[in-house]
């Protein structure tokens, strides 16, 4: 698949018994204004995620574990699908600078609110061969 092209098709991931949430919550489907497909094949999916200061990304999931290349960092609040705060980076006391590289496990339904002053910009390489 060429850069920037999306198929609009449901993501292919772990068997439905291994992933409890519907395809409609996939980041590209549930939050397309914040996630752009850069590349996809049978082994990886690469997403470009941008969240402007003050914006909140709708509830969505990330089915696969991923390597996150953080190009722009800002304070954020991550909430679960019910609105309960899971992470508020303002309470952590130390901010990571960008660029940096992080690991992320698959993420169940969540939203993310950029409560900082700058855009959050992350390129994620999702590893389809690893289901957790």
C-alpha atoms as a PDB file:
ATOM      1  CA  UNK A   1       0.000   0.000   0.000  1.00  0.00           C
ATOM      2  CA  UNK A   2       1.404   3.408  -0.903  1.00  0.00           C
ATOM      3  CA  UNK A   3       2.006   6.163   1.606  1.00  0.00           C
ATOM      4  CA  UNK A   4      -1.137   7.957   2.660  1.00  0.00           C
ATOM      5  CA  UNK A   5      -3.503   5.463   1.068  1.00  0.00           C
ATOM      6  CA  UNK A   6      -6.196   3.867   3.184  1.00  0.00           C
ATOM      7  CA  UNK A   7      -8.295   0.901   2.283  1.00  0.00           C
ATOM      8  CA  UNK A   8     -11.259   1.703   4.510  1.00  0.00           C
ATOM      9  CA  UNK A   9     -11.414  -2.029   5.186  1.00  0.00           C
ATOM     10  CA  UNK A  10     -11.611  -3.491   8.665  1.00  0.00           C
ATOM     11  CA  UNK A  11      -8.198  -4.160  10.167  1.00  0.00           C
ATOM     12  CA  UNK A  12      -6.842  -7.686  10.082  1.00  0.00           C
ATOM     13  CA  UNK A  13      -5.529  -8.642  13.496  1.00  0.00           C
ATOM     14  CA  UNK A  14      -5.785 -11.273  16.144  1.00  0.00           C
ATOM     15  CA  UNK A  15      -8.706 -13.678  15.987  1.00  0.00           C
ATOM     16  CA  UNK A  16     -11.905 -12.195  17.386  1.00  0.00           C
ATOM     17  CA  UNK A  17     -11.510 -14.326  20.517  1.00  0.00           C
ATOM     18  CA  UNK A  18      -8.208 -12.539  21.218  1.00  0.00           C
ATOM     19  CA  UNK A  19      -9.498  -8.988  20.646  1.00  0.00           C
ATOM     20  CA  UNK A  20     -12.693  -8.088  22.479  1.00  0.00           C
ATOM     21  CA  UNK A  21     -13.536  -4.800  20.745  1.00  0.00           C
ATOM     22  CA  UNK A  22     -15.263  -4.184  17.405  1.00  0.00           C
ATOM     23  CA  UNK A  23     -13.377  -3.099  14.293  1.00  0.00           C
ATOM     24  CA  UNK A  24     -15.403   0.130  14.342  1.00  0.00           C
ATOM     25  CA  UNK A  25     -13.235   1.259  17.287  1.00  0.00           C
ATOM     26  CA  UNK A  26     -10.004   0.899  15.289  1.00  0.00           C
ATOM     27  CA  UNK A  27      -8.053   4.185  15.331  1.00  0.00           C
ATOM     28  CA  UNK A  28      -8.346   4.724  11.564  1.00  0.00           C
ATOM     29  CA  UNK A  29     -12.117   4.193  11.643  1.00  0.00           C
ATOM     30  CA  UNK A  30     -13.126   5.756  14.967  1.00  0.00           C
ATOM     31  CA  UNK A  31     -10.655   8.667  14.939  1.00  0.00           C
ATOM     32  CA  UNK A  32      -9.704   9.333  11.289  1.00  0.00           C
ATOM     33  CA  UNK A  33      -9.103  13.067  11.804  1.00  0.00           C
ATOM     34  CA  UNK A  34      -6.178  12.267  14.092  1.00  0.00           C
ATOM     35  CA  UNK A  35      -4.718   9.080  12.554  1.00  0.00           C
ATOM     36  CA  UNK A  36      -3.329   8.784   9.020  1.00  0.00           C
ATOM     37  CA  UNK A  37      -2.175   5.543   7.443  1.00  0.00           C
ATOM     38  CA  UNK A  38       1.387   5.883   6.127  1.00  0.00           C
ATOM     39  CA  UNK A  39       2.046   2.247   5.222  1.00  0.00           C
ATOM     40  CA  UNK A  40       0.499  -1.178   5.719  1.00  0.00           C
ATOM     41  CA  UNK A  41       1.295  -4.761   4.805  1.00  0.00           C
ATOM     42  CA  UNK A  42       0.622  -8.159   6.386  1.00  0.00           C
ATOM     43  CA  UNK A  43       3.227  -7.587   9.145  1.00  0.00           C
ATOM     44  CA  UNK A  44       3.066  -3.909  10.115  1.00  0.00           C
ATOM     45  CA  UNK A  45       0.857  -0.849  10.011  1.00  0.00           C
ATOM     46  CA  UNK A  46       2.385   2.607  10.315  1.00  0.00           C
ATOM     47  CA  UNK A  47       0.220   5.454  11.580  1.00  0.00           C
ATOM     48  CA  UNK A  48       0.880   9.170  11.792  1.00  0.00           C
ATOM     49  CA  UNK A  49      -0.999  10.624  14.771  1.00  0.00           C
ATOM     50  CA  UNK A  50      -1.434  14.357  15.325  1.00  0.00           C
ATOM     51  CA  UNK A  51      -3.417  15.929  18.143  1.00  0.00           C
ATOM     52  CA  UNK A  52      -3.526  19.724  18.269  1.00  0.00           C
ATOM     53  CA  UNK A  53      -3.441  21.550  21.594  1.00  0.00           C
ATOM     54  CA  UNK A  54      -6.916  21.516  23.119  1.00  0.00           C
ATOM     55  CA  UNK A  55      -8.229  18.663  20.958  1.00  0.00           C
ATOM     56  CA  UNK A  56      -9.676  15.374  22.197  1.00  0.00           C
ATOM     57  CA  UNK A  57      -9.413  12.220  20.117  1.00  0.00           C
ATOM     58  CA  UNK A  58     -12.640  10.164  20.129  1.00  0.00           C
ATOM     59  CA  UNK A  59     -12.690   6.762  21.837  1.00  0.00           C
ATOM     60  CA  UNK A  60     -10.715   4.257  19.773  1.00  0.00           C
ATOM     61  CA  UNK A  61      -8.403   1.228  20.094  1.00  0.00           C
ATOM     62  CA  UNK A  62      -4.960   0.109  18.979  1.00  0.00           C
ATOM     63  CA  UNK A  63      -5.145  -3.631  18.354  1.00  0.00           C
ATOM     64  CA  UNK A  64      -1.426  -4.347  18.059  1.00  0.00           C
ATOM     65  CA  UNK A  65       1.625  -3.543  20.171  1.00  0.00           C
ATOM     66  CA  UNK A  66       3.694  -0.778  18.669  1.00  0.00           C
ATOM     67  CA  UNK A  67       6.881   1.207  18.663  1.00  0.00           C
ATOM     68  CA  UNK A  68       6.044   4.892  19.089  1.00  0.00           C
ATOM     69  CA  UNK A  69       8.340   7.553  17.649  1.00  0.00           C
ATOM     70  CA  UNK A  70       7.309  10.714  19.478  1.00  0.00           C
ATOM     71  CA  UNK A  71       8.107  13.728  17.302  1.00  0.00           C
ATOM     72  CA  UNK A  72       6.101  16.286  19.265  1.00  0.00           C
ATOM     73  CA  UNK A  73       5.238  15.917  22.951  1.00  0.00           C
ATOM     74  CA  UNK A  74       2.667  17.679  25.103  1.00  0.00           C
ATOM     75  CA  UNK A  75       0.725  17.036  28.270  1.00  0.00           C
ATOM     76  CA  UNK A  76      -2.250  14.748  27.788  1.00  0.00           C
ATOM     77  CA  UNK A  77      -5.019  12.966  29.635  1.00  0.00           C
ATOM     78  CA  UNK A  78      -5.866   9.396  28.563  1.00  0.00           C
ATOM     79  CA  UNK A  79      -9.296   8.109  29.596  1.00  0.00           C
ATOM     80  CA  UNK A  80     -10.774   4.646  29.236  1.00  0.00           C
ATOM     81  CA  UNK A  81     -13.914   4.002  27.214  1.00  0.00           C
ATOM     82  CA  UNK A  82     -16.058   5.008  30.213  1.00  0.00           C
ATOM     83  CA  UNK A  83     -14.258   8.323  30.772  1.00  0.00           C
ATOM     84  CA  UNK A  84     -12.187   7.271  33.784  1.00  0.00           C
ATOM     85  CA  UNK A  85      -8.763   8.950  33.820  1.00  0.00           C
ATOM     86  CA  UNK A  86      -5.981   6.418  33.241  1.00  0.00           C
ATOM     87  CA  UNK A  87      -3.034   8.790  32.771  1.00  0.00           C
ATOM     88  CA  UNK A  88      -2.610  12.520  33.316  1.00  0.00           C
ATOM     89  CA  UNK A  89       0.941  13.479  32.359  1.00  0.00           C
ATOM     90  CA  UNK A  90       0.680  16.735  34.328  1.00  0.00           C
ATOM     91  CA  UNK A  91       0.698  14.636  37.515  1.00  0.00           C
ATOM     92  CA  UNK A  92       3.810  12.677  36.539  1.00  0.00           C
ATOM     93  CA  UNK A  93       6.190  15.528  37.269  1.00  0.00           C
ATOM     94  CA  UNK A  94       8.608  14.982  34.402  1.00  0.00           C
ATOM     95  CA  UNK A  95       8.043  15.392  30.712  1.00  0.00           C
ATOM     96  CA  UNK A  96       9.945  13.478  28.110  1.00  0.00           C
ATOM     97  CA  UNK A  97      11.381  15.570  25.358  1.00  0.00           C
ATOM     98  CA  UNK A  98      10.965  14.781  21.733  1.00  0.00           C
ATOM     99  CA  UNK A  99      12.039  13.024  19.685  1.00  0.00           C
ATOM    100  CA  UNK A 100      11.953   9.845  21.723  1.00  0.00           C
ATOM    101  CA  UNK A 101      11.004   6.218  21.105  1.00  0.00           C
ATOM    102  CA  UNK A 102       8.646   4.238  23.364  1.00  0.00           C
ATOM    103  CA  UNK A 103       6.987   0.814  23.474  1.00  0.00           C
ATOM    104  CA  UNK A 104       3.216   0.448  23.746  1.00  0.00           C
ATOM    105  CA  UNK A 105       1.141  -2.644  24.377  1.00  0.00           C
ATOM    106  CA  UNK A 106      -2.186  -2.912  22.529  1.00  0.00           C
ATOM    107  CA  UNK A 107      -4.620  -0.313  23.858  1.00  0.00           C
ATOM    108  CA  UNK A 108      -8.269  -1.072  24.653  1.00  0.00           C
ATOM    109  CA  UNK A 109     -10.901   1.655  24.142  1.00  0.00           C
ATOM    110  CA  UNK A 110      -9.560   5.037  25.209  1.00  0.00           C
ATOM    111  CA  UNK A 111      -9.629   8.711  24.348  1.00  0.00           C
ATOM    112  CA  UNK A 112      -6.775  11.165  24.533  1.00  0.00           C
ATOM    113  CA  UNK A 113      -7.068  14.874  25.295  1.00  0.00           C
ATOM    114  CA  UNK A 114      -4.152  17.176  24.522  1.00  0.00           C
ATOM    115  CA  UNK A 115      -4.094  19.504  27.555  1.00  0.00           C
ATOM    116  CA  UNK A 116      -0.700  20.947  26.619  1.00  0.00           C
ATOM    117  CA  UNK A 117       0.313  23.978  24.606  1.00  0.00           C
ATOM    118  CA  UNK A 118       1.741  22.182  21.568  1.00  0.00           C
ATOM    119  CA  UNK A 119       0.749  19.533  19.058  1.00  0.00           C
ATOM    120  CA  UNK A 120       1.298  15.891  19.986  1.00  0.00           C
ATOM    121  CA  UNK A 121       2.844  14.131  16.991  1.00  0.00           C
ATOM    122  CA  UNK A 122       3.581  10.398  17.041  1.00  0.00           C
ATOM    123  CA  UNK A 123       4.476   7.918  14.318  1.00  0.00           C
ATOM    124  CA  UNK A 124       3.583   4.394  15.435  1.00  0.00           C
ATOM    125  CA  UNK A 125       4.737   1.141  13.905  1.00  0.00           C
ATOM    126  CA  UNK A 126       2.131  -1.456  14.868  1.00  0.00           C
ATOM    127  CA  UNK A 127       3.419  -5.029  14.876  1.00  0.00           C
ATOM    128  CA  UNK A 128       0.688  -7.277  13.528  1.00  0.00           C
ATOM    129  CA  UNK A 129       2.638 -10.493  14.166  1.00  0.00           C
ATOM    130  CA  UNK A 130       2.705  -9.789  17.915  1.00  0.00           C
ATOM    131  CA  UNK A 131      -0.708  -9.905  19.569  1.00  0.00           C
ATOM    132  CA  UNK A 132       0.280  -8.636  22.987  1.00  0.00           C
END
